[in-house]
Amino acid sequence: MLKDYIFKILKENIIEILPEMPEEKIRLEESLRELGANSVDRMDIVVKTMEAIGIKISMVETAQAANIGELVDLFYEKKRLAG
């Protein structure tokens, strides 16, 4: 599974949870908080993305990602290790 694919899924989930968010504002260097996602929104986005790519990670671990790019890297690494 490629990082681009994970980013695409994450972006789709961000738009679903934050429908007012223009797609062009969703960039790897932005954080979900900077995009206006509250804590419940962030949890929903992360959980939906993990379900879509078939991984499980603790919310504590995902909270350590400083931005969307780090979240994509984390998901990619967990998926790669899971086989």
Protein backbone atom coordinates (compact mmCIF):
# COMPACT_ATOMS: atom_id res chain seq x y z
CA MET A 1 0.00 0.00 0.00
CA LEU A 2 1.48 3.31 -1.07
CA LYS A 3 1.65 6.48 1.03
CA ASP A 4 -0.24 8.35 -1.71
CA TYR A 5 -3.15 5.93 -1.34
CA ILE A 6 -3.18 6.35 2.46
CA PHE A 7 -3.13 10.14 2.03
CA LYS A 8 -6.05 9.90 -0.43
CA ILE A 9 -8.12 7.90 2.07
CA LEU A 10 -7.20 10.26 4.90
CA LYS A 11 -8.14 13.26 2.76
CA GLU A 12 -11.52 11.69 1.87
CA ASN A 13 -12.22 11.12 5.56
CA ILE A 14 -11.24 14.69 6.45
CA ILE A 15 -13.66 16.02 3.82
CA GLU A 16 -16.41 13.70 5.08
CA ILE A 17 -15.96 14.83 8.71
CA LEU A 18 -15.20 18.48 7.84
CA PRO A 19 -17.33 19.08 4.71
CA GLU A 20 -16.56 22.82 4.68
CA MET A 21 -12.85 22.08 4.24
CA PRO A 22 -11.58 22.82 0.71
CA GLU A 23 -9.57 19.87 -0.58
CA GLU A 24 -6.64 22.07 -1.62
CA LYS A 25 -6.09 23.11 2.03
CA ILE A 26 -5.44 19.50 3.07
CA ARG A 27 -1.67 19.22 2.79
CA LEU A 28 0.87 16.92 4.42
CA GLU A 29 2.42 19.74 6.47
CA GLU A 30 -0.93 20.74 8.05
CA SER A 31 -2.21 19.24 11.28
CA LEU A 32 -5.81 18.14 11.73
CA ARG A 33 -6.10 20.74 14.48
CA GLU A 34 -4.88 23.48 12.11
CA LEU A 35 -7.58 22.41 9.67
CA GLY A 36 -10.20 23.05 12.37
CA ALA A 37 -10.83 19.49 13.55
CA ASN A 38 -11.76 19.25 17.21
CA SER A 39 -10.75 16.23 19.31
CA VAL A 40 -13.84 14.19 18.35
CA ASP A 41 -13.37 15.05 14.66
CA ARG A 42 -9.72 14.00 14.84
CA MET A 43 -10.62 10.69 16.47
CA ASP A 44 -13.31 10.02 13.84
CA ILE A 45 -10.92 10.81 10.97
CA VAL A 46 -8.16 8.60 12.39
CA VAL A 47 -10.46 5.66 13.22
CA LYS A 48 -12.18 5.74 9.80
CA THR A 49 -8.81 5.81 8.06
CA MET A 50 -7.42 2.94 10.13
CA GLU A 51 -10.54 0.87 9.39
CA ALA A 52 -10.25 1.62 5.66
CA ILE A 53 -6.65 0.44 5.45
CA GLY A 54 -7.05 -2.43 7.92
CA ILE A 55 -4.80 -1.45 10.82
CA LYS A 56 -5.17 -0.73 14.53
CA ILE A 57 -3.03 1.78 16.39
CA SER A 58 -3.57 3.26 19.84
CA MET A 59 -4.94 6.79 19.86
CA VAL A 60 -2.00 7.77 22.09
CA GLU A 61 0.39 6.74 19.32
CA THR A 62 -1.54 8.59 16.61
CA ALA A 63 -1.68 11.74 18.77
CA GLN A 64 2.12 11.94 18.58
CA ALA A 65 1.96 12.74 14.85
CA ALA A 66 2.61 16.47 14.46
CA ASN A 67 0.92 16.74 11.07
CA ILE A 68 -0.92 14.82 8.36
CA GLY A 69 2.36 13.73 6.77
CA GLU A 70 3.54 12.10 10.00
CA LEU A 71 0.14 10.43 10.36
CA VAL A 72 0.44 9.03 6.82
CA ASP A 73 3.98 7.80 7.63
CA LEU A 74 2.73 6.12 10.82
CA PHE A 75 -0.16 4.40 9.03
CA TYR A 76 2.15 3.31 6.21
CA GLU A 77 4.70 1.83 8.61
CA LYS A 78 2.06 -0.04 10.64
CA LYS A 79 0.48 -1.43 7.46
CA ARG A 80 3.89 -2.46 6.11
CA LEU A 81 4.78 -4.25 9.36
CA ALA A 82 1.38 -5.95 9.49
CA GLY A 83 2.04 -7.45 6.08
